[in-house]
Amino acid sequence: MNKGDIIQIKVDKYAFEGKGIGKIDADNPLDNTEPDSFIVFVNGAYPGDTVSAKIKKLKKSYAEAIVEEIITPSSKRVRARCKYFGTCGGCKQQDLDYAQQTAYKQEQVEDIFKHDGGFSDFIIGRILPSENVFYYRNKMEFSFSELQWLTAIDDKTVSNKGFFVGLHVPNNFEKILDIDECFLQSVLSSHILNFSREFFIKRNISIYNTKTHSGYLRNLIVRQAQKSSDLMINLVTFEENESLMKEYVTAITNKFPEITTIVNNVSKKKASIAVGDYEIVYHGSGFIYDKIGKYNFRISANSFFQTNTIQAEKLYNTALEYADLKGDEIIYDLYSGAGTIAIYISGRAKEVYGFETVESQFMTLKRILN
């Protein structure tokens, strides 16, 4: 068997993130009647599938392949809702029934504890599924690029150089999949994306280029609260342009009055990181507010906040349940970020300390050990 070979394989196990596992006869890949222990990880396949797959990577005891054709589909397959699925890196399992997704995740966690951790005779709780399979994220980060990633649905006559804004494809940090809709955040978020693209194209605004270290537009970030009506636009640019920003703010807030604040983060960094060296607030307070439980959190443009607000509350409640706090504990949250966990459990303990940096963690641990 060689790299580039096409094999037929039946998938009977699940690895992670859209990768199935099958076994083949390494000496004769076309004969799967008595497969030996040679394992093939097949990207885009699920247990129950029989697929034609192309070998992409070949090692001594396993191979990695990608689906070329689904010969017999698994009964758990569903039709992907998004037309970009399979190319875009935003979703990995949209063509798999959600209940089955959670079931496979449960199996993976159990397997990690048993085989990697060496544990046995333990009890694992059931997964708490998300209430929303789509439109659950409170933050989306879109990137601008002069280079487009072309897909099977694109017009083959179109140039892949121009003005594009959307999401990266996996393992490519240069070309952008130019999208006009996404089911991760909201319908309004997609409208904001499309309006912004049209606005900047009409004005012939440049896009930042990491090679020449020049250009203006870097990222468009939409933060949308789940427990309030707050909505933030954070435009990350290479430099300031006050007149353009004011024009953009006027145009987009007239079109979408739901927007409560607009921030311009200015980043001089060469790295493609959507965090500015400083920010300028052009509309509203520069913050949005969202709730986890009874606690109201103020979220800035560069704050870390759990991206699925509703699921975060389930996560924190589960942690509280297992902690079984009596009210006299002193708790250290050693990597607290925005401090959401520390604040959430604060009413159930004597004292809670949250530490954001590695240095503060080290000093706290040193004090505890002494």
Protein backbone atom coordinates (compact mmCIF):
# COMPACT_ATOMS: atom_id res chain seq x y z
CA MET A 1 0.00 0.00 0.00
CA ASN A 2 1.31 3.42 -0.95
CA LYS A 3 0.43 7.03 -0.36
CA GLY A 4 -2.20 8.05 -2.90
CA ASP A 5 -3.76 4.59 -3.19
CA ILE A 6 -7.55 4.31 -3.21
CA ILE A 7 -8.89 1.66 -0.87
CA GLN A 8 -12.36 0.41 0.05
CA ILE A 9 -12.91 0.12 3.77
CA LYS A 10 -15.72 -0.46 6.26
CA VAL A 11 -15.60 1.86 9.25
CA ASP A 12 -16.52 0.33 12.59
CA LYS A 13 -15.17 2.73 15.22
CA TYR A 14 -15.01 6.47 15.79
CA ALA A 15 -11.88 8.46 16.63
CA PHE A 16 -12.65 12.18 16.93
CA GLU A 17 -13.80 15.23 14.96
CA GLY A 18 -15.19 13.41 11.94
CA LYS A 19 -12.61 10.64 11.72
CA GLY A 20 -13.69 6.99 11.54
CA ILE A 21 -11.52 3.94 12.15
CA GLY A 22 -11.37 0.79 10.05
CA LYS A 23 -9.00 -2.16 9.66
CA ILE A 24 -7.65 -3.64 6.45
CA ASP A 25 -5.36 -6.36 5.21
CA ALA A 26 -2.16 -4.38 4.72
CA ASP A 27 -0.88 -6.86 2.13
CA ASN A 28 -4.05 -6.70 0.06
CA PRO A 29 -6.11 -3.53 0.75
CA LEU A 30 -8.82 -4.69 -1.66
CA ASP A 31 -9.46 -7.81 0.44
CA ASN A 32 -11.23 -6.90 3.69
CA THR A 33 -12.62 -10.33 4.46
CA GLU A 34 -9.98 -11.06 7.11
CA PRO A 35 -8.51 -7.70 8.12
CA ASP A 36 -5.47 -7.76 10.37
CA SER A 37 -4.47 -5.14 12.91
CA PHE A 38 -3.49 -2.45 10.39
CA ILE A 39 -5.60 0.57 11.27
CA VAL A 40 -6.78 3.31 8.94
CA PHE A 41 -8.12 6.64 10.23
CA VAL A 42 -10.58 7.92 7.64
CA ASN A 43 -11.40 11.62 7.68
CA GLY A 44 -15.08 12.21 6.83
CA ALA A 45 -16.26 8.70 7.73
CA TYR A 46 -18.44 7.33 10.55
CA PRO A 47 -19.07 3.85 11.98
CA GLY A 48 -21.41 1.98 9.65
CA ASP A 49 -19.99 3.63 6.52
CA THR A 50 -18.38 1.70 3.72
CA VAL A 51 -16.24 4.15 1.79
CA SER A 52 -13.70 4.57 -0.92
CA ALA A 53 -10.79 6.46 0.64
CA LYS A 54 -7.49 7.91 -0.52
CA ILE A 55 -4.36 7.26 1.55
CA LYS A 56 -2.84 10.58 2.64
CA LYS A 57 -0.30 9.44 5.22
CA LEU A 58 1.30 6.04 5.72
CA LYS A 59 3.02 4.87 8.91
CA LYS A 60 4.27 1.48 10.11
CA SER A 61 1.14 0.49 12.03
CA TYR A 62 -1.52 2.83 10.69
CA ALA A 63 -2.55 5.05 7.80
CA GLU A 64 -4.57 8.23 7.44
CA ALA A 65 -7.02 8.60 4.57
CA ILE A 66 -9.76 10.90 3.34
CA VAL A 67 -13.14 9.88 1.94
CA GLU A 68 -13.39 9.93 -1.83
CA GLU A 69 -16.84 8.34 -2.08
CA ILE A 70 -19.41 7.02 0.38
CA ILE A 71 -20.42 3.62 -0.99
CA THR A 72 -22.83 2.65 1.81
CA PRO A 73 -23.71 5.38 4.31
CA SER A 74 -24.14 4.90 8.03
CA SER A 75 -27.74 5.04 9.29
CA LYS A 76 -26.66 7.85 11.63
CA ARG A 77 -25.73 10.21 8.82
CA VAL A 78 -27.86 13.32 8.25
CA ARG A 79 -27.84 15.98 5.57
CA ALA A 80 -25.49 18.82 6.50
CA ARG A 81 -27.35 22.11 6.78
CA CYS A 82 -24.49 24.32 5.61
CA LYS A 83 -23.39 24.42 1.98
CA TYR A 84 -19.79 25.03 3.08
CA PHE A 85 -19.61 21.96 5.29
CA GLY A 86 -16.70 19.71 4.43
CA THR A 87 -14.51 22.62 3.35
CA CYS A 88 -14.94 25.13 6.17
CA GLY A 89 -13.16 24.42 9.45
CA GLY A 90 -16.01 25.70 11.61
CA CYS A 91 -17.94 22.41 11.90
CA LYS A 92 -16.60 18.85 11.93
CA GLN A 93 -19.67 16.62 12.38
CA GLN A 94 -22.63 18.50 10.92
CA ASP A 95 -23.53 15.47 8.80
CA LEU A 96 -23.88 13.24 11.88
CA ASP A 97 -27.00 13.03 14.04
CA TYR A 98 -26.41 15.19 17.14
CA ALA A 99 -27.50 12.50 19.61
CA GLN A 100 -24.97 10.19 17.99
CA GLN A 101 -22.28 12.88 18.24
CA THR A 102 -22.73 13.02 22.00
CA ALA A 103 -22.79 9.21 22.23
CA TYR A 104 -19.44 8.99 20.42
CA LYS A 105 -17.97 11.70 22.64
CA GLN A 106 -19.04 9.74 25.70
CA GLU A 107 -17.28 6.66 24.35
CA GLN A 108 -14.12 8.67 23.68
CA VAL A 109 -13.99 10.04 27.23
CA GLU A 110 -14.47 6.57 28.72
CA ASP A 111 -11.78 5.17 26.41
CA ILE A 112 -9.29 7.89 27.42
CA PHE A 113 -9.76 7.13 31.12
CA LYS A 114 -9.51 3.38 30.59
CA HIS A 115 -6.69 3.04 28.07
CA ASP A 116 -4.68 6.26 28.42
CA GLY A 117 -5.30 6.84 32.12
CA GLY A 118 -5.32 3.22 33.21
CA PHE A 119 -8.47 3.67 35.32
CA SER A 120 -11.15 1.06 35.88
CA ASP A 121 -14.35 0.67 37.91
CA PHE A 122 -15.25 4.34 37.62
CA ILE A 123 -18.63 5.93 37.05
CA ILE A 124 -19.03 8.47 34.27
CA GLY A 125 -22.02 10.77 34.12
CA ARG A 126 -24.03 11.26 30.98
CA ILE A 127 -23.24 14.11 28.61
CA LEU A 128 -25.50 17.14 28.99
CA PRO A 129 -26.36 18.04 25.38
CA SER A 130 -26.58 21.60 24.11
CA GLU A 131 -30.07 23.02 23.84
CA ASN A 132 -29.16 24.57 20.49
CA VAL A 133 -27.41 22.54 17.81
CA PHE A 134 -27.19 25.67 15.65
CA TYR A 135 -26.97 29.38 16.51
CA TYR A 136 -25.33 28.79 19.90
CA ARG A 137 -22.09 30.80 19.78
CA ASN A 138 -21.86 34.27 21.30
CA LYS A 139 -18.71 35.12 19.34
CA MET A 140 -17.62 34.72 15.71
CA GLU A 141 -14.25 35.77 14.39
CA PHE A 142 -14.09 36.37 10.63
CA SER A 143 -10.89 37.11 8.71
CA PHE A 144 -10.19 39.33 5.72
CA SER A 145 -7.87 38.12 2.97
CA GLU A 146 -6.86 38.92 -0.60
CA LEU A 147 -6.67 35.17 -1.32
CA GLN A 148 -9.74 32.93 -1.63
CA TRP A 149 -10.08 29.22 -1.07
CA LEU A 150 -12.11 27.88 -3.99
CA THR A 151 -14.63 25.09 -3.44
CA ALA A 152 -16.64 22.74 -5.64
CA ILE A 153 -19.59 25.15 -5.51
CA ASP A 154 -17.57 28.13 -6.77
CA ASP A 155 -17.60 29.29 -10.37
CA LYS A 156 -14.33 27.95 -11.77
CA THR A 157 -13.87 31.12 -13.82
CA VAL A 158 -13.69 33.27 -10.69
CA SER A 159 -10.30 34.57 -9.63
CA ASN A 160 -9.01 33.48 -6.26
CA LYS A 161 -7.40 36.87 -5.65
CA GLY A 162 -9.46 39.87 -4.61
CA PHE A 163 -11.47 40.84 -1.51
CA PHE A 164 -12.71 38.04 0.73
CA VAL A 165 -13.99 37.73 4.28
CA GLY A 166 -15.02 34.57 6.08
CA LEU A 167 -13.38 31.61 7.81
CA HIS A 168 -10.12 29.76 7.40
CA VAL A 169 -10.13 26.26 6.01
CA PRO A 170 -8.28 23.72 8.17
CA ASN A 171 -4.48 23.97 8.09
CA ASN A 172 -4.44 27.04 5.87
CA PHE A 173 -3.85 30.43 7.46
CA GLU A 174 -3.59 32.40 4.23
CA LYS A 175 -6.62 31.67 2.07
CA ILE A 176 -10.15 32.45 3.28
CA LEU A 177 -13.38 30.65 2.53
CA ASP A 178 -15.58 33.56 1.44
CA ILE A 179 -18.94 32.77 3.07
CA ASP A 180 -22.32 34.49 2.97
CA GLU A 181 -24.00 32.53 5.78
CA CYS A 182 -23.05 30.63 8.90
CA PHE A 183 -25.26 28.68 11.31
CA LEU A 184 -23.03 29.01 14.36
CA GLN A 185 -24.05 32.42 15.73
CA SER A 186 -27.21 33.99 14.27
CA VAL A 187 -28.91 35.11 11.09
CA LEU A 188 -28.12 38.70 12.08
CA SER A 189 -24.43 37.86 12.34
CA SER A 190 -24.42 36.65 8.72
CA HIS A 191 -26.19 39.83 7.60
CA ILE A 192 -23.55 41.94 9.38
CA LEU A 193 -20.79 39.95 7.67
CA ASN A 194 -22.29 40.48 4.21
CA PHE A 195 -23.02 44.17 4.78
CA SER A 196 -19.44 44.77 5.94
CA ARG A 197 -17.99 42.98 2.91
CA GLU A 198 -20.08 45.10 0.52
CA PHE A 199 -19.31 48.33 2.41
CA PHE A 200 -15.53 47.92 2.22
CA ILE A 201 -15.47 46.57 -1.34
CA LYS A 202 -17.41 49.62 -2.59
CA ARG A 203 -14.80 51.88 -1.02
CA ASN A 204 -11.85 49.86 -2.33
CA ILE A 205 -10.42 49.39 1.17
CA SER A 206 -7.20 47.39 1.38
CA ILE A 207 -6.69 44.15 3.31
CA TYR A 208 -3.71 43.59 5.57
CA ASN A 209 -0.98 41.42 4.05
CA THR A 210 1.34 39.56 6.44
CA LYS A 211 4.13 39.41 3.84
CA THR A 212 4.24 43.12 2.99
CA HIS A 213 3.08 44.22 6.45
CA SER A 214 0.68 46.68 4.87
CA GLY A 215 -3.06 47.09 4.28
CA TYR A 216 -5.97 48.00 6.55
CA LEU A 217 -8.56 45.29 7.33
CA ARG A 218 -7.64 42.28 9.47
CA ASN A 219 -10.66 40.80 11.30
CA LEU A 220 -14.36 41.30 11.83
CA ILE A 221 -15.51 39.99 15.21
CA VAL A 222 -19.16 39.81 16.21
CA ARG A 223 -20.03 39.31 19.90
CA GLN A 224 -23.71 38.67 20.57
CA ALA A 225 -25.03 38.15 24.10
CA GLN A 226 -27.34 35.18 24.68
CA LYS A 227 -29.09 36.49 27.82
CA SER A 228 -29.41 40.13 26.76
CA SER A 229 -29.92 42.07 23.54
CA ASP A 230 -26.34 43.44 23.48
CA LEU A 231 -24.31 43.09 20.27
CA MET A 232 -20.75 44.24 19.60
CA ILE A 233 -18.81 44.68 16.39
CA ASN A 234 -15.04 44.68 16.80
CA LEU A 235 -13.18 45.62 13.63
CA VAL A 236 -9.49 44.74 13.86
CA THR A 237 -7.32 46.87 11.57
CA PHE A 238 -3.61 47.49 10.97
CA GLU A 239 -3.90 51.23 11.47
CA GLU A 240 -6.32 53.99 12.41
CA ASN A 241 -8.71 55.56 9.92
CA GLU A 242 -11.15 57.73 11.87
CA SER A 243 -13.15 59.06 8.94
CA LEU A 244 -13.71 55.57 7.47
CA MET A 245 -14.67 54.13 10.86
CA LYS A 246 -17.20 56.90 11.46
CA GLU A 247 -18.70 56.31 8.03
CA TYR A 248 -18.87 52.55 8.70
CA VAL A 249 -20.47 53.08 12.12
CA THR A 250 -23.15 55.36 10.71
CA ALA A 251 -23.95 53.02 7.82
CA ILE A 252 -24.06 49.76 9.77
CA THR A 253 -25.99 51.09 12.78
CA ASN A 254 -28.59 52.59 10.45
CA LYS A 255 -28.93 49.19 8.78
CA PHE A 256 -28.80 47.20 12.01
CA PRO A 257 -30.00 49.23 15.01
CA GLU A 258 -29.59 46.06 17.12
CA ILE A 259 -25.84 46.83 17.33
CA THR A 260 -25.15 48.35 20.77
CA THR A 261 -21.41 49.03 20.53
CA ILE A 262 -18.62 49.21 17.92
CA VAL A 263 -14.92 48.97 18.72
CA ASN A 264 -11.85 49.36 16.50
CA ASN A 265 -8.87 47.30 17.68
CA VAL A 266 -5.63 48.47 16.08
CA SER A 267 -2.96 45.77 15.74
CA LYS A 268 0.57 46.38 14.45
CA LYS A 269 1.55 42.74 15.02
CA LYS A 270 2.64 40.61 12.07
CA ALA A 271 1.00 37.54 13.57
CA SER A 272 -2.61 36.87 12.58
CA ILE A 273 -4.03 37.32 16.07
CA ALA A 274 -7.34 39.16 16.39
CA VAL A 275 -6.28 41.19 19.43
CA GLY A 276 -5.22 44.80 19.06
CA ASP A 277 -2.42 46.77 20.68
CA TYR A 278 -5.06 49.29 21.65
CA GLU A 279 -8.72 49.98 20.93
CA ILE A 280 -10.93 52.93 20.04
CA VAL A 281 -14.63 52.91 20.90
CA TYR A 282 -16.73 54.50 18.15
CA HIS A 283 -20.24 53.58 19.29
CA GLY A 284 -21.75 52.66 22.63
CA SER A 285 -19.85 51.74 25.77
CA GLY A 286 -17.24 49.39 24.32
CA PHE A 287 -18.75 46.49 26.30
CA ILE A 288 -21.62 44.05 26.14
CA TYR A 289 -23.29 42.32 29.08
CA ASP A 290 -24.28 38.67 29.32
CA LYS A 291 -25.48 36.47 32.17
CA ILE A 292 -24.46 33.07 33.51
CA GLY A 293 -26.94 32.15 36.20
CA LYS A 294 -27.73 35.21 38.31
CA TYR A 295 -24.40 36.89 37.56
CA ASN A 296 -24.09 39.65 34.97
CA PHE A 297 -20.71 39.83 33.20
CA ARG A 298 -19.24 42.82 31.44
CA ILE A 299 -17.44 41.61 28.30
CA SER A 300 -14.89 43.72 26.45
CA ALA A 301 -13.70 43.26 22.88
CA ASN A 302 -10.71 41.16 23.96
CA SER A 303 -12.25 39.33 26.93
CA PHE A 304 -12.29 35.55 27.07
CA PHE A 305 -15.84 34.37 27.68
CA GLN A 306 -17.31 30.90 27.24
CA THR A 307 -18.58 30.88 23.65
CA ASN A 308 -21.73 28.87 24.45
CA THR A 309 -23.34 30.87 27.27
CA ILE A 310 -26.23 28.49 27.90
CA GLN A 311 -23.98 25.42 27.95
CA ALA A 312 -21.49 27.20 30.22
CA GLU A 313 -24.18 27.48 32.91
CA LYS A 314 -24.73 23.70 32.73
CA LEU A 315 -20.98 23.17 33.00
CA TYR A 316 -20.65 25.39 36.08
CA ASN A 317 -23.69 23.81 37.76
CA THR A 318 -22.16 20.38 37.22
CA ALA A 319 -18.86 21.52 38.75
CA LEU A 320 -20.75 22.90 41.76
CA GLU A 321 -22.68 19.67 42.17
CA TYR A 322 -19.50 17.57 42.21
CA ALA A 323 -17.65 20.04 44.45
CA ASP A 324 -20.39 19.68 47.10
CA LEU A 325 -19.31 22.90 48.80
CA LYS A 326 -20.28 23.40 52.46
CA GLY A 327 -19.68 27.15 52.59
CA ASP A 328 -16.45 27.21 54.63
CA GLU A 329 -13.99 26.47 51.78
CA ILE A 330 -11.26 28.73 50.39
CA ILE A 331 -11.10 28.17 46.61
CA TYR A 332 -8.33 29.08 44.17
CA ASP A 333 -9.21 29.45 40.50
CA LEU A 334 -5.68 29.25 39.07
CA TYR A 335 -6.50 30.15 35.48
CA SER A 336 -9.58 32.27 35.75
CA GLY A 337 -9.64 34.32 32.54
CA ALA A 338 -12.62 36.65 32.96
CA GLY A 339 -13.32 34.99 36.32
CA THR A 340 -16.67 33.52 35.35
CA ILE A 341 -16.22 30.29 37.34
CA ALA A 342 -14.81 32.04 40.40
CA ILE A 343 -17.69 34.52 40.43
CA TYR A 344 -20.29 31.83 39.76
CA ILE A 345 -19.26 29.74 42.78
CA SER A 346 -18.51 32.71 45.05
CA GLY A 347 -21.86 32.51 46.84
CA ARG A 348 -21.20 28.90 47.87
CA ALA A 349 -17.77 29.23 49.52
CA LYS A 350 -16.07 31.28 52.23
CA GLU A 351 -13.51 32.86 49.90
CA VAL A 352 -12.69 32.55 46.20
CA TYR A 353 -9.50 33.79 44.53
CA GLY A 354 -9.17 34.05 40.76
CA PHE A 355 -5.77 34.37 39.06
CA GLU A 356 -5.39 35.22 35.40
CA THR A 357 -1.66 34.93 34.68
CA VAL A 358 0.91 32.16 34.97
CA GLU A 359 2.93 34.37 37.33
CA SER A 360 0.01 34.84 39.69
CA GLN A 361 -0.65 31.07 39.60
CA PHE A 362 2.97 30.37 40.54
CA MET A 363 3.01 32.82 43.44
CA THR A 364 -0.27 31.44 44.77
CA LEU A 365 0.87 27.81 44.56
CA LYS A 366 4.15 28.75 46.26
CA ARG A 367 2.21 30.38 49.11
CA ILE A 368 -0.08 27.35 49.44
CA LEU A 369 2.86 24.90 49.56
CA ASN A 370 4.69 27.00 52.15
